[in-house]
Amino acid sequence: MQAAVPRNGYLRAEEPEDHVVRLRTYNLHITYDKYYSVPKFWLIGRDESGQPLQTKQVRQTFATILPCCANEPSLSHP
């Protein structure tokens, strides 16, 4: 850990980037497709500031278990 140069009388400690834990949250929506008679699972992720994750960021987290990714049309997210 390194101490940064004091600003405004405060001493700020900085951790190396590999020690910072990034928190992502996910909401799971389940719909049913009557045409194909299968359930569909819609995963919406948000970063630590509450901003929606891009599809590629969700894929990074769940790369080994997600068969494919598509945007769910009725949910309002990018």
N, C-alpha and C. Protein backbone atom coordinates (compact mmCIF):
# COMPACT_ATOMS: atom_id res chain seq x y z
N MET A 1 0.84 -1.17 0.00
CA MET A 1 0.00 0.00 0.00
C MET A 1 0.89 1.23 0.00
N GLN A 2 0.50 2.24 -0.78
CA GLN A 2 1.26 3.47 -0.87
C GLN A 2 0.45 4.62 -0.31
N ALA A 3 1.13 5.55 0.32
CA ALA A 3 0.44 6.76 0.78
C ALA A 3 0.62 7.82 -0.28
N ALA A 4 -0.46 8.46 -0.65
CA ALA A 4 -0.41 9.52 -1.65
C ALA A 4 -0.02 10.83 -1.00
N VAL A 5 0.35 11.80 -1.80
CA VAL A 5 0.70 13.13 -1.32
C VAL A 5 -0.52 13.75 -0.66
N PRO A 6 -0.39 14.30 0.55
CA PRO A 6 -1.55 14.87 1.22
C PRO A 6 -2.17 16.01 0.42
N ARG A 7 -3.52 16.00 0.36
CA ARG A 7 -4.28 17.08 -0.27
C ARG A 7 -5.24 17.63 0.76
N ASN A 8 -5.28 18.92 0.89
CA ASN A 8 -6.20 19.57 1.82
C ASN A 8 -6.09 19.01 3.24
N GLY A 9 -4.90 18.63 3.63
CA GLY A 9 -4.70 18.14 4.98
C GLY A 9 -5.05 16.68 5.21
N TYR A 10 -5.51 15.97 4.17
CA TYR A 10 -5.88 14.57 4.31
C TYR A 10 -4.81 13.69 3.67
N LEU A 11 -4.51 12.59 4.32
CA LEU A 11 -3.59 11.61 3.77
C LEU A 11 -4.42 10.48 3.19
N ARG A 12 -4.20 10.17 1.94
CA ARG A 12 -5.01 9.16 1.26
C ARG A 12 -4.14 7.95 0.92
N ALA A 13 -4.59 6.76 1.33
CA ALA A 13 -3.88 5.53 1.02
C ALA A 13 -4.46 4.96 -0.27
N GLU A 14 -3.59 4.43 -1.11
CA GLU A 14 -4.02 3.85 -2.37
C GLU A 14 -3.62 2.38 -2.43
N GLU A 15 -4.56 1.54 -2.82
CA GLU A 15 -4.30 0.12 -3.00
C GLU A 15 -3.94 -0.13 -4.46
N PRO A 16 -3.09 -1.09 -4.72
CA PRO A 16 -2.85 -1.47 -6.12
C PRO A 16 -4.16 -1.94 -6.75
N GLU A 17 -4.31 -1.75 -8.04
CA GLU A 17 -5.55 -2.07 -8.74
C GLU A 17 -5.97 -3.52 -8.56
N ASP A 18 -5.03 -4.44 -8.41
CA ASP A 18 -5.40 -5.85 -8.27
C ASP A 18 -5.96 -6.19 -6.89
N HIS A 19 -5.94 -5.24 -5.95
CA HIS A 19 -6.51 -5.46 -4.62
C HIS A 19 -7.92 -4.91 -4.49
N VAL A 20 -8.39 -4.20 -5.51
CA VAL A 20 -9.72 -3.61 -5.47
C VAL A 20 -10.74 -4.64 -5.93
N VAL A 21 -11.78 -4.85 -5.14
CA VAL A 21 -12.83 -5.80 -5.48
C VAL A 21 -13.94 -5.03 -6.20
N ARG A 22 -14.23 -5.45 -7.41
CA ARG A 22 -15.31 -4.83 -8.19
C ARG A 22 -16.57 -5.64 -7.97
N LEU A 23 -17.65 -4.97 -7.63
CA LEU A 23 -18.91 -5.64 -7.33
C LEU A 23 -19.89 -5.42 -8.47
N ARG A 24 -20.43 -6.51 -9.00
CA ARG A 24 -21.48 -6.45 -10.01
C ARG A 24 -22.70 -7.15 -9.44
N THR A 25 -23.87 -6.61 -9.74
CA THR A 25 -25.11 -7.25 -9.32
C THR A 25 -25.90 -7.63 -10.57
N TYR A 26 -26.71 -8.67 -10.43
CA TYR A 26 -27.47 -9.18 -11.56
C TYR A 26 -28.91 -9.41 -11.16
N ASN A 27 -29.82 -9.13 -12.08
CA ASN A 27 -31.23 -9.47 -11.94
C ASN A 27 -31.54 -10.53 -12.98
N LEU A 28 -32.29 -11.53 -12.57
CA LEU A 28 -32.67 -12.61 -13.47
C LEU A 28 -34.17 -12.52 -13.73
N HIS A 29 -34.55 -12.41 -15.01
CA HIS A 29 -35.95 -12.40 -15.42
C HIS A 29 -36.20 -13.68 -16.21
N ILE A 30 -37.28 -14.37 -15.90
CA ILE A 30 -37.61 -15.60 -16.59
C ILE A 30 -38.93 -15.40 -17.33
N THR A 31 -38.89 -15.67 -18.63
CA THR A 31 -40.10 -15.61 -19.44
C THR A 31 -40.30 -16.97 -20.09
N TYR A 32 -41.47 -17.17 -20.64
CA TYR A 32 -41.75 -18.44 -21.30
C TYR A 32 -42.14 -18.18 -22.75
N ASP A 33 -41.48 -18.84 -23.67
CA ASP A 33 -41.77 -18.71 -25.09
C ASP A 33 -42.75 -19.79 -25.49
N LYS A 34 -44.00 -19.39 -25.73
CA LYS A 34 -45.03 -20.38 -26.08
C LYS A 34 -44.80 -21.00 -27.45
N TYR A 35 -44.20 -20.24 -28.36
CA TYR A 35 -43.97 -20.76 -29.70
C TYR A 35 -43.02 -21.95 -29.67
N TYR A 36 -41.88 -21.78 -28.97
CA TYR A 36 -40.90 -22.86 -28.87
C TYR A 36 -41.10 -23.73 -27.64
N SER A 37 -42.01 -23.35 -26.76
CA SER A 37 -42.29 -24.08 -25.51
C SER A 37 -41.04 -24.26 -24.65
N VAL A 38 -40.33 -23.15 -24.45
CA VAL A 38 -39.12 -23.18 -23.63
C VAL A 38 -39.08 -21.94 -22.75
N PRO A 39 -38.46 -22.06 -21.59
CA PRO A 39 -38.25 -20.86 -20.77
C PRO A 39 -37.05 -20.08 -21.31
N LYS A 40 -37.09 -18.77 -21.13
CA LYS A 40 -35.96 -17.92 -21.49
C LYS A 40 -35.52 -17.18 -20.24
N PHE A 41 -34.22 -17.08 -20.07
CA PHE A 41 -33.66 -16.43 -18.90
C PHE A 41 -32.94 -15.16 -19.35
N TRP A 42 -33.34 -14.03 -18.79
CA TRP A 42 -32.77 -12.73 -19.14
C TRP A 42 -31.98 -12.23 -17.94
N LEU A 43 -30.70 -12.04 -18.15
CA LEU A 43 -29.79 -11.63 -17.08
C LEU A 43 -29.40 -10.17 -17.32
N ILE A 44 -29.70 -9.33 -16.35
CA ILE A 44 -29.36 -7.90 -16.46
C ILE A 44 -28.34 -7.59 -15.37
N GLY A 45 -27.18 -7.12 -15.78
CA GLY A 45 -26.12 -6.82 -14.83
C GLY A 45 -25.91 -5.33 -14.65
N ARG A 46 -25.47 -4.96 -13.46
CA ARG A 46 -25.15 -3.57 -13.15
C ARG A 46 -23.80 -3.54 -12.44
N ASP A 47 -23.04 -2.49 -12.73
CA ASP A 47 -21.74 -2.35 -12.09
C ASP A 47 -21.91 -1.72 -10.70
N GLU A 48 -20.78 -1.44 -10.04
CA GLU A 48 -20.84 -0.94 -8.66
C GLU A 48 -21.48 0.44 -8.53
N SER A 49 -21.57 1.18 -9.63
CA SER A 49 -22.23 2.50 -9.57
C SER A 49 -23.68 2.43 -10.05
N GLY A 50 -24.18 1.22 -10.35
CA GLY A 50 -25.57 1.05 -10.76
C GLY A 50 -25.83 1.19 -12.24
N GLN A 51 -24.78 1.34 -13.03
CA GLN A 51 -24.93 1.47 -14.48
C GLN A 51 -25.08 0.09 -15.11
N PRO A 52 -25.96 -0.04 -16.13
CA PRO A 52 -26.13 -1.34 -16.79
C PRO A 52 -24.84 -1.80 -17.46
N LEU A 53 -24.59 -3.10 -17.38
CA LEU A 53 -23.42 -3.68 -18.04
C LEU A 53 -23.72 -3.93 -19.51
N GLN A 54 -22.71 -3.87 -20.32
CA GLN A 54 -22.83 -4.23 -21.72
C GLN A 54 -22.88 -5.76 -21.81
N THR A 55 -23.41 -6.26 -22.91
CA THR A 55 -23.53 -7.71 -23.10
C THR A 55 -22.18 -8.41 -22.96
N LYS A 56 -21.12 -7.81 -23.49
CA LYS A 56 -19.80 -8.47 -23.42
C LYS A 56 -19.29 -8.54 -21.98
N GLN A 57 -19.68 -7.59 -21.12
CA GLN A 57 -19.27 -7.65 -19.72
C GLN A 57 -19.99 -8.78 -18.98
N VAL A 58 -21.26 -9.00 -19.32
CA VAL A 58 -22.00 -10.11 -18.73
C VAL A 58 -21.40 -11.42 -19.20
N ARG A 59 -21.04 -11.50 -20.46
CA ARG A 59 -20.42 -12.72 -21.01
C ARG A 59 -19.11 -13.04 -20.31
N GLN A 60 -18.33 -12.01 -19.96
CA GLN A 60 -17.06 -12.24 -19.26
C GLN A 60 -17.29 -12.95 -17.93
N THR A 61 -18.34 -12.56 -17.23
CA THR A 61 -18.63 -13.14 -15.93
C THR A 61 -19.16 -14.56 -16.05
N PHE A 62 -20.04 -14.80 -17.03
CA PHE A 62 -20.72 -16.08 -17.15
C PHE A 62 -20.33 -16.84 -18.42
N ALA A 63 -19.12 -16.66 -18.89
CA ALA A 63 -18.69 -17.24 -20.17
C ALA A 63 -18.82 -18.76 -20.22
N THR A 64 -18.64 -19.43 -19.13
CA THR A 64 -18.66 -20.89 -19.17
C THR A 64 -20.06 -21.49 -19.08
N ILE A 65 -21.06 -20.68 -18.67
CA ILE A 65 -22.40 -21.25 -18.50
C ILE A 65 -23.47 -20.65 -19.40
N LEU A 66 -23.20 -19.52 -20.06
CA LEU A 66 -24.20 -18.90 -20.93
C LEU A 66 -24.09 -19.45 -22.35
N PRO A 67 -25.13 -20.08 -22.85
CA PRO A 67 -25.07 -20.62 -24.21
C PRO A 67 -25.10 -19.52 -25.27
N CYS A 68 -25.86 -18.47 -25.03
CA CYS A 68 -25.91 -17.35 -25.97
C CYS A 68 -26.47 -16.13 -25.25
N CYS A 69 -26.30 -15.01 -25.85
CA CYS A 69 -26.80 -13.76 -25.25
C CYS A 69 -27.58 -12.98 -26.29
N ALA A 70 -28.71 -12.41 -25.85
CA ALA A 70 -29.51 -11.54 -26.69
C ALA A 70 -30.19 -10.53 -25.79
N ASN A 71 -30.55 -9.39 -26.35
CA ASN A 71 -31.25 -8.38 -25.58
C ASN A 71 -32.72 -8.73 -25.49
N GLU A 72 -33.27 -8.62 -24.29
CA GLU A 72 -34.70 -8.88 -24.08
C GLU A 72 -35.45 -7.62 -24.50
N PRO A 73 -36.36 -7.70 -25.45
CA PRO A 73 -36.97 -6.51 -26.02
C PRO A 73 -37.87 -5.71 -25.09
N SER A 74 -38.49 -6.31 -24.08
CA SER A 74 -39.42 -5.56 -23.26
C SER A 74 -38.77 -4.87 -22.06
N LEU A 75 -37.49 -5.16 -21.79
CA LEU A 75 -36.81 -4.52 -20.69
C LEU A 75 -36.03 -3.31 -21.20
N SER A 76 -36.06 -2.24 -20.45
CA SER A 76 -35.40 -1.01 -20.90
C SER A 76 -33.96 -0.95 -20.40
N HIS A 77 -33.07 -1.46 -21.19
CA HIS A 77 -31.63 -1.36 -20.90
C HIS A 77 -30.90 -1.44 -22.23
N PRO A 78 -29.66 -0.89 -22.28
CA PRO A 78 -28.91 -0.93 -23.55
C PRO A 78 -28.46 -2.32 -23.92
